[in-house]
């Protein structure tokens, strides 16, 4: 008569059973199902519990963080020029959101001037053609200055 141990040995030899006992397989599958279900519940709860809001990069704090990182990566020559333009010890982070502040109050016509929406399909940016075709143009700031 065929014994369970003989079947297990054959399964092990043929690579159809990694280790353990055939009697343990249902429990292993059950444990895997419980872990998978628990993981899905935890992930779902976390997703529901997380507030959805605008990315911090688009607010004053995000602008300051990006400006601080940029300033730290400037060459000595570029940093000297930034200090000359800003005047003394004013940091890029402290003035990073000035365009947002101005566009809402002093110069509402400048609302779209400090950014450019570049389609994801584009892999290049040509400021001349983009500014000619687009009211959202950082080049408008340069035009106003000149």
Protein backbone atom coordinates (compact mmCIF):
# COMPACT_ATOMS: atom_id res chain seq x y z
CA UNK A 1 0.00 0.00 0.00
CA UNK A 2 1.24 3.48 -0.91
CA UNK A 3 2.15 5.58 2.12
CA UNK A 4 2.03 9.39 2.39
CA UNK A 5 5.76 9.43 3.14
CA UNK A 6 6.43 7.68 -0.20
CA UNK A 7 4.36 10.25 -2.09
CA UNK A 8 6.14 13.10 -0.31
CA UNK A 9 9.55 11.58 -1.15
CA UNK A 10 8.61 11.35 -4.84
CA UNK A 11 7.31 14.92 -4.86
CA UNK A 12 10.51 16.13 -3.17
CA UNK A 13 12.72 14.22 -5.63
CA UNK A 14 10.81 15.58 -8.62
CA UNK A 15 10.96 19.13 -7.30
CA UNK A 16 7.20 19.34 -6.94
CA UNK A 17 7.42 19.88 -3.19
CA UNK A 18 10.13 22.07 -1.72
CA UNK A 19 10.07 20.79 1.85
CA UNK A 20 7.73 19.84 4.61
CA UNK A 21 4.69 17.67 4.31
CA UNK A 22 1.78 17.44 1.91
CA UNK A 23 -0.41 17.70 4.97
CA UNK A 24 1.01 21.18 5.60
CA UNK A 25 0.14 22.56 2.15
CA UNK A 26 -3.43 23.62 2.96
CA UNK A 27 -2.18 25.48 6.06
CA UNK A 28 0.55 27.19 4.04
CA UNK A 29 -1.98 28.32 1.45
CA UNK A 30 -4.30 29.52 4.21
CA UNK A 31 -1.49 31.51 5.85
CA UNK A 32 -0.59 33.08 2.51
CA UNK A 33 -4.23 34.02 1.91
CA UNK A 34 -4.51 35.57 5.37
CA UNK A 35 -1.28 37.56 4.88
CA UNK A 36 -2.35 38.76 1.44
CA UNK A 37 -5.79 39.78 2.67
CA UNK A 38 -4.34 41.54 5.71
CA UNK A 39 -1.86 43.41 3.51
CA UNK A 40 -4.65 44.52 1.18
CA UNK A 41 -6.75 45.76 4.11
CA UNK A 42 -3.83 47.69 5.62
CA UNK A 43 -2.90 49.24 2.26
CA UNK A 44 -6.52 50.17 1.56
CA UNK A 45 -6.87 51.76 5.00
CA UNK A 46 -3.69 53.75 4.50
CA UNK A 47 -4.85 55.00 1.11
CA UNK A 48 -8.23 56.08 2.46
CA UNK A 49 -6.61 57.73 5.49
CA UNK A 50 -4.10 59.77 3.49
CA UNK A 51 -5.32 63.23 2.59
CA UNK A 52 -5.22 64.11 -1.07
CA UNK A 53 -4.01 67.62 -1.75
CA UNK A 54 -1.72 69.65 -3.95
CA UNK A 55 1.92 68.70 -4.14
CA UNK A 56 4.04 70.76 -1.77
CA UNK A 57 6.34 71.68 -4.65
CA UNK A 58 3.75 74.09 -5.99
CA UNK A 59 3.33 76.06 -2.78
CA UNK A 60 5.68 78.52 -1.04
CA UNK A 61 7.34 75.80 1.04
CA UNK A 62 8.07 73.65 -2.00
CA UNK A 63 9.46 76.62 -3.94
CA UNK A 64 11.75 77.44 -1.00
CA UNK A 65 13.00 73.86 -0.72
CA UNK A 66 13.78 73.66 -4.43
CA UNK A 67 15.51 77.07 -4.34
CA UNK A 68 17.61 76.05 -1.33
CA UNK A 69 18.74 72.88 -3.09
CA UNK A 70 19.49 74.84 -6.26
CA UNK A 71 21.49 77.48 -4.37
CA UNK A 72 23.60 74.80 -2.67
CA UNK A 73 24.47 73.37 -6.08
CA UNK A 74 25.55 76.67 -7.69
CA UNK A 75 29.13 77.26 -8.73
CA UNK A 76 31.01 79.99 -6.88
CA UNK A 77 30.66 82.30 -9.89
CA UNK A 78 26.92 81.72 -10.17
CA UNK A 79 26.44 82.19 -6.41
CA UNK A 80 28.28 85.51 -6.57
CA UNK A 81 25.99 86.65 -9.39
CA UNK A 82 22.87 85.56 -7.47
CA UNK A 83 24.02 87.52 -4.42
CA UNK A 84 24.68 90.55 -6.62
CA UNK A 85 21.20 90.34 -8.16
CA UNK A 86 19.36 89.67 -4.90
CA UNK A 87 21.47 92.03 -2.86
CA UNK A 88 23.74 90.86 -0.10
CA UNK A 89 22.68 87.99 2.08
CA UNK A 90 19.20 87.43 0.64
CA UNK A 91 18.78 83.73 -0.14
CA UNK A 92 17.08 82.25 -3.17
CA UNK A 93 14.80 80.33 -0.78
CA UNK A 94 13.50 83.55 0.77
CA UNK A 95 12.40 84.96 -2.59
CA UNK A 96 11.47 81.70 -4.35
CA UNK A 97 7.74 82.35 -4.40
CA UNK A 98 7.80 86.07 -5.27
CA UNK A 99 6.26 85.42 -8.69
CA UNK A 100 3.27 83.78 -7.01
CA UNK A 101 2.93 86.68 -4.57
CA UNK A 102 3.08 89.31 -7.33
CA UNK A 103 0.81 87.56 -9.80
CA UNK A 104 -2.09 87.52 -7.34
CA UNK A 105 -1.82 91.09 -6.15
CA UNK A 106 0.30 93.72 -7.87
CA UNK A 107 0.34 92.41 -11.46
CA UNK A 108 -2.55 90.02 -12.13
CA UNK A 109 -1.71 90.10 -15.86
CA UNK A 110 1.47 88.20 -14.99
CA UNK A 111 -0.47 85.20 -13.71
CA UNK A 112 0.96 82.72 -16.25
CA UNK A 113 4.35 84.28 -16.87
CA UNK A 114 6.57 82.37 -14.47
CA UNK A 115 6.00 78.83 -15.70
CA UNK A 116 5.60 76.83 -18.87
CA UNK A 117 3.40 73.77 -19.29
CA UNK A 118 5.46 71.38 -21.38
CA UNK A 119 3.49 68.38 -22.68
CA UNK A 120 4.80 65.03 -21.43
CA UNK A 121 5.27 63.90 -25.04
CA UNK A 122 7.83 66.68 -25.64
CA UNK A 123 11.42 65.76 -24.93
CA UNK A 124 12.81 69.22 -25.70
CA UNK A 125 11.95 72.80 -24.83
CA UNK A 126 12.43 75.70 -27.24
CA UNK A 127 11.74 78.94 -25.37
CA UNK A 128 11.38 81.03 -28.54
CA UNK A 129 8.63 78.93 -30.11
CA UNK A 130 6.99 78.14 -26.76
CA UNK A 131 6.80 81.83 -25.80
CA UNK A 132 5.46 82.84 -29.19
CA UNK A 133 2.67 80.28 -28.99
CA UNK A 134 1.95 80.34 -25.30
CA UNK A 135 0.74 82.96 -22.85
CA UNK A 136 2.22 80.80 -20.08
CA UNK A 137 5.76 81.86 -20.57
CA UNK A 138 8.72 82.56 -18.35
CA UNK A 139 10.13 84.61 -21.26
CA UNK A 140 7.47 87.26 -20.64
CA UNK A 141 9.36 88.24 -17.48
CA UNK A 142 12.46 88.90 -19.58
CA UNK A 143 10.41 90.91 -22.12
CA UNK A 144 9.02 93.07 -19.32
CA UNK A 145 12.47 93.65 -17.86
CA UNK A 146 13.98 94.72 -21.21
